[in-house]
Amino acid sequence: MSVSNKDVLYMADLARLRLTDEEANGLQKDMNNILDYMELLGQLDTSEVPPLEHVTELTAPLREDKAKTPVDHEEALKNAPDADSDYFRVPRVIE
């Protein structure tokens, strides 16, 4: 499979990009190089390689999933720069 100049221009149009002829030719060459490399990788024998869930063996530390008591109303509004009795008061952003 190869990418034609027409394909590059079509993708550029979808991405709303304006390309010069020189840029389109360069992208066509780069995309074809990527596809050639992917084809080369597809020829490798991976039958002895176990499937991976993650590339690295790093795991994210997980915390215990426990319900916590919610923050009460007064505590939530305590540090607000400007608050009404029940709400945060913020500057108007829509005119």
PDB file of N, CA and C in Angstrom:
ATOM      1  N   MET A   1       0.848  -1.179   0.000  1.00  0.00           N
ATOM      2  CA  MET A   1       0.000   0.000   0.000  1.00  0.00           C
ATOM      3  C   MET A   1       0.887   1.232   0.000  1.00  0.00           C
ATOM      4  N   SER A   2       0.521   2.187  -0.769  1.00  0.00           N
ATOM      5  CA  SER A   2       1.279   3.442  -0.772  1.00  0.00           C
ATOM      6  C   SER A   2       0.301   4.612  -0.781  1.00  0.00           C
ATOM      7  N   VAL A   3       0.815   5.732  -0.316  1.00  0.00           N
ATOM      8  CA  VAL A   3       0.021   6.948  -0.234  1.00  0.00           C
ATOM      9  C   VAL A   3       0.325   7.789  -1.469  1.00  0.00           C
ATOM     10  N   SER A   4      -0.710   8.204  -2.165  1.00  0.00           N
ATOM     11  CA  SER A   4      -0.525   9.055  -3.338  1.00  0.00           C
ATOM     12  C   SER A   4      -0.588  10.516  -2.924  1.00  0.00           C
ATOM     13  N   ASN A   5      -0.199  11.371  -3.832  1.00  0.00           N
ATOM     14  CA  ASN A   5      -0.269  12.812  -3.580  1.00  0.00           C
ATOM     15  C   ASN A   5      -1.726  13.228  -3.382  1.00  0.00           C
ATOM     16  N   LYS A   6      -2.632  12.567  -4.102  1.00  0.00           N
ATOM     17  CA  LYS A   6      -4.059  12.850  -3.949  1.00  0.00           C
ATOM     18  C   LYS A   6      -4.521  12.506  -2.531  1.00  0.00           C
ATOM     19  N   ASP A   7      -4.021  11.383  -1.966  1.00  0.00           N
ATOM     20  CA  ASP A   7      -4.365  10.997  -0.596  1.00  0.00           C
ATOM     21  C   ASP A   7      -3.876  12.038   0.408  1.00  0.00           C
ATOM     22  N   VAL A   8      -2.667  12.520   0.205  1.00  0.00           N
ATOM     23  CA  VAL A   8      -2.103  13.534   1.110  1.00  0.00           C
ATOM     24  C   VAL A   8      -2.955  14.799   1.073  1.00  0.00           C
ATOM     25  N   LEU A   9      -3.321  15.232  -0.104  1.00  0.00           N
ATOM     26  CA  LEU A   9      -4.128  16.445  -0.220  1.00  0.00           C
ATOM     27  C   LEU A   9      -5.518  16.252   0.378  1.00  0.00           C
ATOM     28  N   TYR A  10      -6.069  15.051   0.244  1.00  0.00           N
ATOM     29  CA  TYR A  10      -7.367  14.749   0.839  1.00  0.00           C
ATOM     30  C   TYR A  10      -7.292  14.814   2.367  1.00  0.00           C
ATOM     31  N   MET A  11      -6.247  14.200   2.943  1.00  0.00           N
ATOM     32  CA  MET A  11      -6.076  14.231   4.405  1.00  0.00           C
ATOM     33  C   MET A  11      -5.823  15.656   4.888  1.00  0.00           C
ATOM     34  N   ALA A  12      -5.068  16.412   4.135  1.00  0.00           N
ATOM     35  CA  ALA A  12      -4.809  17.804   4.509  1.00  0.00           C
ATOM     36  C   ALA A  12      -6.105  18.602   4.486  1.00  0.00           C
ATOM     37  N   ASP A  13      -6.956  18.322   3.517  1.00  0.00           N
ATOM     38  CA  ASP A  13      -8.244  19.006   3.443  1.00  0.00           C
ATOM     39  C   ASP A  13      -9.126  18.646   4.638  1.00  0.00           C
ATOM     40  N   LEU A  14      -9.117  17.368   5.024  1.00  0.00           N
ATOM     41  CA  LEU A  14      -9.888  16.946   6.196  1.00  0.00           C
ATOM     42  C   LEU A  14      -9.393  17.642   7.465  1.00  0.00           C
ATOM     43  N   ALA A  15      -8.077  17.845   7.553  1.00  0.00           N
ATOM     44  CA  ALA A  15      -7.487  18.485   8.725  1.00  0.00           C
ATOM     45  C   ALA A  15      -7.470  20.000   8.603  1.00  0.00           C
ATOM     46  N   ARG A  16      -8.034  20.513   7.525  1.00  0.00           N
ATOM     47  CA  ARG A  16      -8.081  21.958   7.263  1.00  0.00           C
ATOM     48  C   ARG A  16      -6.679  22.560   7.215  1.00  0.00           C
ATOM     49  N   LEU A  17      -5.772  21.851   6.537  1.00  0.00           N
ATOM     50  CA  LEU A  17      -4.405  22.329   6.360  1.00  0.00           C
ATOM     51  C   LEU A  17      -4.197  22.788   4.929  1.00  0.00           C
ATOM     52  N   ARG A  18      -3.446  23.859   4.780  1.00  0.00           N
ATOM     53  CA  ARG A  18      -3.047  24.297   3.444  1.00  0.00           C
ATOM     54  C   ARG A  18      -1.595  23.905   3.246  1.00  0.00           C
ATOM     55  N   LEU A  19      -1.356  23.073   2.247  1.00  0.00           N
ATOM     56  CA  LEU A  19      -0.002  22.597   1.979  1.00  0.00           C
ATOM     57  C   LEU A  19       0.479  23.100   0.631  1.00  0.00           C
ATOM     58  N   THR A  20       1.754  23.437   0.596  1.00  0.00           N
ATOM     59  CA  THR A  20       2.364  23.729  -0.697  1.00  0.00           C
ATOM     60  C   THR A  20       2.656  22.402  -1.382  1.00  0.00           C
ATOM     61  N   ASP A  21       2.970  22.440  -2.664  1.00  0.00           N
ATOM     62  CA  ASP A  21       3.303  21.209  -3.387  1.00  0.00           C
ATOM     63  C   ASP A  21       4.521  20.539  -2.776  1.00  0.00           C
ATOM     64  N   GLU A  22       5.469  21.339  -2.344  1.00  0.00           N
ATOM     65  CA  GLU A  22       6.692  20.801  -1.743  1.00  0.00           C
ATOM     66  C   GLU A  22       6.380  20.083  -0.419  1.00  0.00           C
ATOM     67  N   GLU A  23       5.515  20.701   0.401  1.00  0.00           N
ATOM     68  CA  GLU A  23       5.122  20.075   1.658  1.00  0.00           C
ATOM     69  C   GLU A  23       4.333  18.789   1.415  1.00  0.00           C
ATOM     70  N   ALA A  24       3.444  18.800   0.456  1.00  0.00           N
ATOM     71  CA  ALA A  24       2.652  17.610   0.143  1.00  0.00           C
ATOM     72  C   ALA A  24       3.553  16.474  -0.328  1.00  0.00           C
ATOM     73  N   ASN A  25       4.538  16.788  -1.164  1.00  0.00           N
ATOM     74  CA  ASN A  25       5.467  15.759  -1.634  1.00  0.00           C
ATOM     75  C   ASN A  25       6.298  15.206  -0.480  1.00  0.00           C
ATOM     76  N   GLY A  26       6.719  16.075   0.433  1.00  0.00           N
ATOM     77  CA  GLY A  26       7.479  15.618   1.590  1.00  0.00           C
ATOM     78  C   GLY A  26       6.646  14.725   2.500  1.00  0.00           C
ATOM     79  N   LEU A  27       5.391  15.109   2.722  1.00  0.00           N
ATOM     80  CA  LEU A  27       4.506  14.284   3.544  1.00  0.00           C
ATOM     81  C   LEU A  27       4.211  12.941   2.874  1.00  0.00           C
ATOM     82  N   GLN A  28       4.057  12.961   1.571  1.00  0.00           N
ATOM     83  CA  GLN A  28       3.813  11.715   0.848  1.00  0.00           C
ATOM     84  C   GLN A  28       4.993  10.768   1.053  1.00  0.00           C
ATOM     85  N   LYS A  29       6.200  11.288   0.932  1.00  0.00           N
ATOM     86  CA  LYS A  29       7.400  10.472   1.112  1.00  0.00           C
ATOM     87  C   LYS A  29       7.467   9.941   2.547  1.00  0.00           C
ATOM     88  N   ASP A  30       7.197  10.809   3.537  1.00  0.00           N
ATOM     89  CA  ASP A  30       7.252  10.392   4.941  1.00  0.00           C
ATOM     90  C   ASP A  30       6.211   9.327   5.244  1.00  0.00           C
ATOM     91  N   MET A  31       4.997   9.506   4.749  1.00  0.00           N
ATOM     92  CA  MET A  31       3.939   8.529   5.006  1.00  0.00           C
ATOM     93  C   MET A  31       4.259   7.182   4.367  1.00  0.00           C
ATOM     94  N   ASN A  32       4.813   7.220   3.175  1.00  0.00           N
ATOM     95  CA  ASN A  32       5.189   5.965   2.517  1.00  0.00           C
ATOM     96  C   ASN A  32       6.334   5.275   3.265  1.00  0.00           C
ATOM     97  N   ASN A  33       7.265   6.053   3.817  1.00  0.00           N
ATOM     98  CA  ASN A  33       8.341   5.461   4.625  1.00  0.00           C
ATOM     99  C   ASN A  33       7.779   4.797   5.871  1.00  0.00           C
ATOM    100  N   ILE A  34       6.804   5.436   6.498  1.00  0.00           N
ATOM    101  CA  ILE A  34       6.166   4.857   7.687  1.00  0.00           C
ATOM    102  C   ILE A  34       5.452   3.559   7.323  1.00  0.00           C
ATOM    103  N   LEU A  35       4.712   3.559   6.231  1.00  0.00           N
ATOM    104  CA  LEU A  35       4.003   2.341   5.811  1.00  0.00           C
ATOM    105  C   LEU A  35       4.971   1.224   5.445  1.00  0.00           C
ATOM    106  N   ASP A  36       6.081   1.573   4.798  1.00  0.00           N
ATOM    107  CA  ASP A  36       7.092   0.565   4.472  1.00  0.00           C
ATOM    108  C   ASP A  36       7.674  -0.053   5.739  1.00  0.00           C
ATOM    109  N   TYR A  37       7.931   0.787   6.736  1.00  0.00           N
ATOM    110  CA  TYR A  37       8.471   0.283   7.993  1.00  0.00           C
ATOM    111  C   TYR A  37       7.459  -0.601   8.708  1.00  0.00           C
ATOM    112  N   MET A  38       6.191  -0.217   8.689  1.00  0.00           N
ATOM    113  CA  MET A  38       5.154  -1.042   9.305  1.00  0.00           C
ATOM    114  C   MET A  38       5.046  -2.398   8.602  1.00  0.00           C
ATOM    115  N   GLU A  39       5.209  -2.396   7.306  1.00  0.00           N
ATOM    116  CA  GLU A  39       5.187  -3.655   6.559  1.00  0.00           C
ATOM    117  C   GLU A  39       6.380  -4.517   6.954  1.00  0.00           C
ATOM    118  N   LEU A  40       7.530  -3.893   7.153  1.00  0.00           N
ATOM    119  CA  LEU A  40       8.724  -4.624   7.584  1.00  0.00           C
ATOM    120  C   LEU A  40       8.496  -5.222   8.976  1.00  0.00           C
ATOM    121  N   LEU A  41       7.892  -4.456   9.876  1.00  0.00           N
ATOM    122  CA  LEU A  41       7.597  -4.967  11.213  1.00  0.00           C
ATOM    123  C   LEU A  41       6.587  -6.110  11.162  1.00  0.00           C
ATOM    124  N   GLY A  42       5.666  -6.057  10.219  1.00  0.00           N
ATOM    125  CA  GLY A  42       4.675  -7.107  10.076  1.00  0.00           C
ATOM    126  C   GLY A  42       5.277  -8.434   9.650  1.00  0.00           C
ATOM    127  N   GLN A  43       6.482  -8.423   9.111  1.00  0.00           N
ATOM    128  CA  GLN A  43       7.142  -9.648   8.662  1.00  0.00           C
ATOM    129  C   GLN A  43       7.902 -10.344   9.788  1.00  0.00           C
ATOM    130  N   LEU A  44       8.037  -9.677  10.932  1.00  0.00           N
ATOM    131  CA  LEU A  44       8.771 -10.275  12.049  1.00  0.00           C
ATOM    132  C   LEU A  44       7.991 -11.432  12.656  1.00  0.00           C
ATOM    133  N   ASP A  45       8.732 -12.467  13.097  1.00  0.00           N
ATOM    134  CA  ASP A  45       8.116 -13.604  13.766  1.00  0.00           C
ATOM    135  C   ASP A  45       7.953 -13.271  15.244  1.00  0.00           C
ATOM    136  N   THR A  46       6.721 -13.102  15.672  1.00  0.00           N
ATOM    137  CA  THR A  46       6.445 -12.769  17.073  1.00  0.00           C
ATOM    138  C   THR A  46       5.734 -13.913  17.784  1.00  0.00           C
ATOM    139  N   SER A  47       5.840 -15.115  17.250  1.00  0.00           N
ATOM    140  CA  SER A  47       5.129 -16.256  17.838  1.00  0.00           C
ATOM    141  C   SER A  47       5.658 -16.602  19.233  1.00  0.00           C
ATOM    142  N   GLU A  48       6.930 -16.316  19.519  1.00  0.00           N
ATOM    143  CA  GLU A  48       7.521 -16.625  20.815  1.00  0.00           C
ATOM    144  C   GLU A  48       7.409 -15.471  21.810  1.00  0.00           C
ATOM    145  N   VAL A  49       6.816 -14.363  21.387  1.00  0.00           N
ATOM    146  CA  VAL A  49       6.711 -13.190  22.250  1.00  0.00           C
ATOM    147  C   VAL A  49       5.353 -13.198  22.936  1.00  0.00           C
ATOM    148  N   PRO A  50       5.340 -13.189  24.267  1.00  0.00           N
ATOM    149  CA  PRO A  50       4.041 -13.188  24.952  1.00  0.00           C
ATOM    150  C   PRO A  50       3.341 -11.842  24.774  1.00  0.00           C
ATOM    151  N   PRO A  51       2.029 -11.853  24.708  1.00  0.00           N
ATOM    152  CA  PRO A  51       1.298 -10.590  24.561  1.00  0.00           C
ATOM    153  C   PRO A  51       1.453  -9.732  25.818  1.00  0.00           C
ATOM    154  N   LEU A  52       1.438  -8.431  25.610  1.00  0.00           N
ATOM    155  CA  LEU A  52       1.619  -7.483  26.705  1.00  0.00           C
ATOM    156  C   LEU A  52       0.351  -6.673  26.933  1.00  0.00           C
ATOM    157  N   GLU A  53       0.096  -6.381  28.187  1.00  0.00           N
ATOM    158  CA  GLU A  53      -0.948  -5.411  28.498  1.00  0.00           C
ATOM    159  C   GLU A  53      -0.365  -4.013  28.480  1.00  0.00           C
ATOM    160  N   HIS A  54       0.874  -3.900  28.963  1.00  0.00           N
ATOM    161  CA  HIS A  54       1.564  -2.619  29.017  1.00  0.00           C
ATOM    162  C   HIS A  54       2.995  -2.822  28.545  1.00  0.00           C
ATOM    163  N   VAL A  55       3.581  -1.800  28.000  1.00  0.00           N
ATOM    164  CA  VAL A  55       4.940  -1.887  27.507  1.00  0.00           C
ATOM    165  C   VAL A  55       5.927  -1.978  28.669  1.00  0.00           C
ATOM    166  N   THR A  56       5.665  -1.257  29.738  1.00  0.00           N
ATOM    167  CA  THR A  56       6.539  -1.303  30.904  1.00  0.00           C
ATOM    168  C   THR A  56       5.873  -2.089  32.024  1.00  0.00           C
ATOM    169  N   GLU A  57       6.662  -2.477  32.988  1.00  0.00           N
ATOM    170  CA  GLU A  57       6.113  -3.234  34.109  1.00  0.00           C
ATOM    171  C   GLU A  57       5.744  -2.330  35.278  1.00  0.00           C
ATOM    172  N   LEU A  58       5.725  -1.035  35.057  1.00  0.00           N
ATOM    173  CA  LEU A  58       5.349  -0.106  36.109  1.00  0.00           C
ATOM    174  C   LEU A  58       3.863  -0.229  36.390  1.00  0.00           C
ATOM    175  N   THR A  59       3.524  -0.184  37.650  1.00  0.00           N
ATOM    176  CA  THR A  59       2.121  -0.227  38.023  1.00  0.00           C
ATOM    177  C   THR A  59       1.787   1.038  38.794  1.00  0.00           C
ATOM    178  N   ALA A  60       0.586   1.475  38.651  1.00  0.00           N
ATOM    179  CA  ALA A  60       0.145   2.663  39.361  1.00  0.00           C
ATOM    180  C   ALA A  60      -0.257   2.270  40.774  1.00  0.00           C
ATOM    181  N   PRO A  61       0.227   3.011  41.761  1.00  0.00           N
ATOM    182  CA  PRO A  61      -0.199   2.688  43.124  1.00  0.00           C
ATOM    183  C   PRO A  61      -1.687   3.007  43.293  1.00  0.00           C
ATOM    184  N   LEU A  62      -2.415   2.049  43.763  1.00  0.00           N
ATOM    185  CA  LEU A  62      -3.853   2.226  43.912  1.00  0.00           C
ATOM    186  C   LEU A  62      -4.189   2.415  45.388  1.00  0.00           C
ATOM    187  N   ARG A  63      -5.125   3.256  45.647  1.00  0.00           N
ATOM    188  CA  ARG A  63      -5.584   3.437  47.018  1.00  0.00           C
ATOM    189  C   ARG A  63      -6.818   2.572  47.220  1.00  0.00           C
ATOM    190  N   GLU A  64      -7.096   2.313  48.466  1.00  0.00           N
ATOM    191  CA  GLU A  64      -8.283   1.533  48.778  1.00  0.00           C
ATOM    192  C   GLU A  64      -9.521   2.363  48.446  1.00  0.00           C
ATOM    193  N   ASP A  65     -10.494   1.737  47.844  1.00  0.00           N
ATOM    194  CA  ASP A  65     -11.697   2.437  47.420  1.00  0.00           C
ATOM    195  C   ASP A  65     -12.692   2.486  48.566  1.00  0.00           C
ATOM    196  N   LYS A  66     -12.626   3.588  49.324  1.00  0.00           N
ATOM    197  CA  LYS A  66     -13.509   3.750  50.470  1.00  0.00           C
ATOM    198  C   LYS A  66     -14.312   5.026  50.301  1.00  0.00           C
ATOM    199  N   ALA A  67     -15.537   4.980  50.733  1.00  0.00           N
ATOM    200  CA  ALA A  67     -16.368   6.181  50.726  1.00  0.00           C
ATOM    201  C   ALA A  67     -15.908   7.095  51.858  1.00  0.00           C
ATOM    202  N   LYS A  68     -15.829   8.376  51.573  1.00  0.00           N
ATOM    203  CA  LYS A  68     -15.440   9.356  52.582  1.00  0.00           C
ATOM    204  C   LYS A  68     -16.620  10.278  52.845  1.00  0.00           C
ATOM    205  N   THR A  69     -16.602  10.898  53.984  1.00  0.00           N
ATOM    206  CA  THR A  69     -17.674  11.831  54.292  1.00  0.00           C
ATOM    207  C   THR A  69     -17.535  13.056  53.413  1.00  0.00           C
ATOM    208  N   PRO A  70     -18.625  13.560  52.880  1.00  0.00           N
ATOM    209  CA  PRO A  70     -18.545  14.731  52.007  1.00  0.00           C
ATOM    210  C   PRO A  70     -18.205  15.989  52.808  1.00  0.00           C
ATOM    211  N   VAL A  71     -17.681  16.987  52.111  1.00  0.00           N
ATOM    212  CA  VAL A  71     -17.364  18.267  52.732  1.00  0.00           C
ATOM    213  C   VAL A  71     -18.671  18.996  52.991  1.00  0.00           C
ATOM    214  N   ASP A  72     -18.818  19.514  54.212  1.00  0.00           N
ATOM    215  CA  ASP A  72     -20.063  20.220  54.509  1.00  0.00           C
ATOM    216  C   ASP A  72     -20.054  21.602  53.844  1.00  0.00           C
ATOM    217  N   HIS A  73     -21.213  22.203  53.794  1.00  0.00           N
ATOM    218  CA  HIS A  73     -21.432  23.456  53.061  1.00  0.00           C
ATOM    219  C   HIS A  73     -20.526  24.588  53.544  1.00  0.00           C
ATOM    220  N   GLU A  74     -20.457  24.773  54.841  1.00  0.00           N
ATOM    221  CA  GLU A  74     -19.661  25.871  55.393  1.00  0.00           C
ATOM    222  C   GLU A  74     -18.185  25.676  55.111  1.00  0.00           C
ATOM    223  N   GLU A  75     -17.717  24.433  55.214  1.00  0.00           N
ATOM    224  CA  GLU A  75     -16.299  24.135  54.963  1.00  0.00           C
ATOM    225  C   GLU A  75     -15.943  24.397  53.496  1.00  0.00           C
ATOM    226  N   ALA A  76     -16.837  24.053  52.582  1.00  0.00           N
ATOM    227  CA  ALA A  76     -16.583  24.260  51.153  1.00  0.00           C
ATOM    228  C   ALA A  76     -16.502  25.744  50.821  1.00  0.00           C
ATOM    229  N   LEU A  77     -17.321  26.561  51.458  1.00  0.00           N
ATOM    230  CA  LEU A  77     -17.356  27.992  51.150  1.00  0.00           C
ATOM    231  C   LEU A  77     -16.377  28.812  51.999  1.00  0.00           C
ATOM    232  N   LYS A  78     -15.697  28.178  52.940  1.00  0.00           N
ATOM    233  CA  LYS A  78     -14.837  28.881  53.881  1.00  0.00           C
ATOM    234  C   LYS A  78     -13.731  29.689  53.195  1.00  0.00           C
ATOM    235  N   ASN A  79     -13.082  29.148  52.178  1.00  0.00           N
ATOM    236  CA  ASN A  79     -11.963  29.819  51.518  1.00  0.00           C
ATOM    237  C   ASN A  79     -12.352  30.534  50.233  1.00  0.00           C
ATOM    238  N   ALA A  80     -13.626  30.623  49.950  1.00  0.00           N
ATOM    239  CA  ALA A  80     -14.076  31.307  48.739  1.00  0.00           C
ATOM    240  C   ALA A  80     -13.823  32.812  48.881  1.00  0.00           C
ATOM    241  N   PRO A  81     -13.250  33.453  47.859  1.00  0.00           N
ATOM    242  CA  PRO A  81     -13.009  34.889  47.955  1.00  0.00           C
ATOM    243  C   PRO A  81     -14.303  35.688  48.061  1.00  0.00           C
ATOM    244  N   ASP A  82     -15.368  35.181  47.452  1.00  0.00           N
ATOM    245  CA  ASP A  82     -16.658  35.865  47.529  1.00  0.00           C
ATOM    246  C   ASP A  82     -17.741  34.789  47.473  1.00  0.00           C
ATOM    247  N   ALA A  83     -18.536  34.714  48.511  1.00  0.00           N
ATOM    248  CA  ALA A  83     -19.554  33.665  48.556  1.00  0.00           C
ATOM    249  C   ALA A  83     -20.865  34.240  49.032  1.00  0.00           C
ATOM    250  N   ASP A  84     -21.933  33.703  48.505  1.00  0.00           N
ATOM    251  CA  ASP A  84     -23.281  33.993  48.975  1.00  0.00           C
ATOM    252  C   ASP A  84     -23.556  32.964  50.077  1.00  0.00           C
ATOM    253  N   SER A  85     -24.723  32.907  50.605  1.00  0.00           N
ATOM    254  CA  SER A  85     -25.009  31.950  51.670  1.00  0.00           C
ATOM    255  C   SER A  85     -24.904  30.502  51.194  1.00  0.00           C
ATOM    256  N   ASP A  86     -25.206  30.254  49.935  1.00  0.00           N
ATOM    257  CA  ASP A  86     -25.182  28.879  49.421  1.00  0.00           C
ATOM    258  C   ASP A  86     -24.262  28.676  48.215  1.00  0.00           C
ATOM    259  N   TYR A  87     -23.702  29.741  47.631  1.00  0.00           N
ATOM    260  CA  TYR A  87     -23.026  29.617  46.343  1.00  0.00           C
ATOM    261  C   TYR A  87     -21.696  30.359  46.337  1.00  0.00           C
ATOM    262  N   PHE A  88     -20.806  29.936  45.425  1.00  0.00           N
ATOM    263  CA  PHE A  88     -19.612  30.708  45.113  1.00  0.00           C
ATOM    264  C   PHE A  88     -20.044  31.862  44.224  1.00  0.00           C
ATOM    265  N   ARG A  89     -19.597  33.048  44.493  1.00  0.00           N
ATOM    266  CA  ARG A  89     -19.901  34.193  43.649  1.00  0.00           C
ATOM    267  C   ARG A  89     -18.660  34.453  42.789  1.00  0.00           C
ATOM    268  N   VAL A  90     -18.849  34.467  41.476  1.00  0.00           N
ATOM    269  CA  VAL A  90     -17.737  34.653  40.535  1.00  0.00           C
ATOM    270  C   VAL A  90     -18.054  35.817  39.620  1.00  0.00           C
ATOM    271  N   PRO A  91     -17.013  36.409  39.005  1.00  0.00           N
ATOM    272  CA  PRO A  91     -17.278  37.499  38.071  1.00  0.00           C
ATOM    273  C   PRO A  91     -18.077  37.014  36.868  1.00  0.00           C
ATOM    274  N   ARG A  92     -18.898  37.885  36.327  1.00  0.00           N
ATOM    275  CA  ARG A  92     -19.696  37.553  35.156  1.00  0.00           C
ATOM    276  C   ARG A  92     -18.768  37.420  33.938  1.00  0.00           C
ATOM    277  N   VAL A  93     -18.941  36.337  33.184  1.00  0.00           N
ATOM    278  CA  VAL A  93     -18.110  36.117  32.002  1.00  0.00           C
ATOM    279  C   VAL A  93     -18.923  36.147  30.719  1.00  0.00           C
ATOM    280  N   ILE A  94     -20.232  36.117  30.811  1.00  0.00           N
ATOM    281  CA  ILE A  94     -21.093  36.165  29.624  1.00  0.00           C
ATOM    282  C   ILE A  94     -21.829  37.492  29.657  1.00  0.00           C
ATOM    283  N   GLU A  95     -21.795  38.161  28.533  1.00  0.00           N
ATOM    284  CA  GLU A  95     -22.476  39.460  28.462  1.00  0.00           C
ATOM    285  C   GLU A  95     -23.813  39.334  27.781  1.00  0.00           C
TER     286      GLU A  95
END
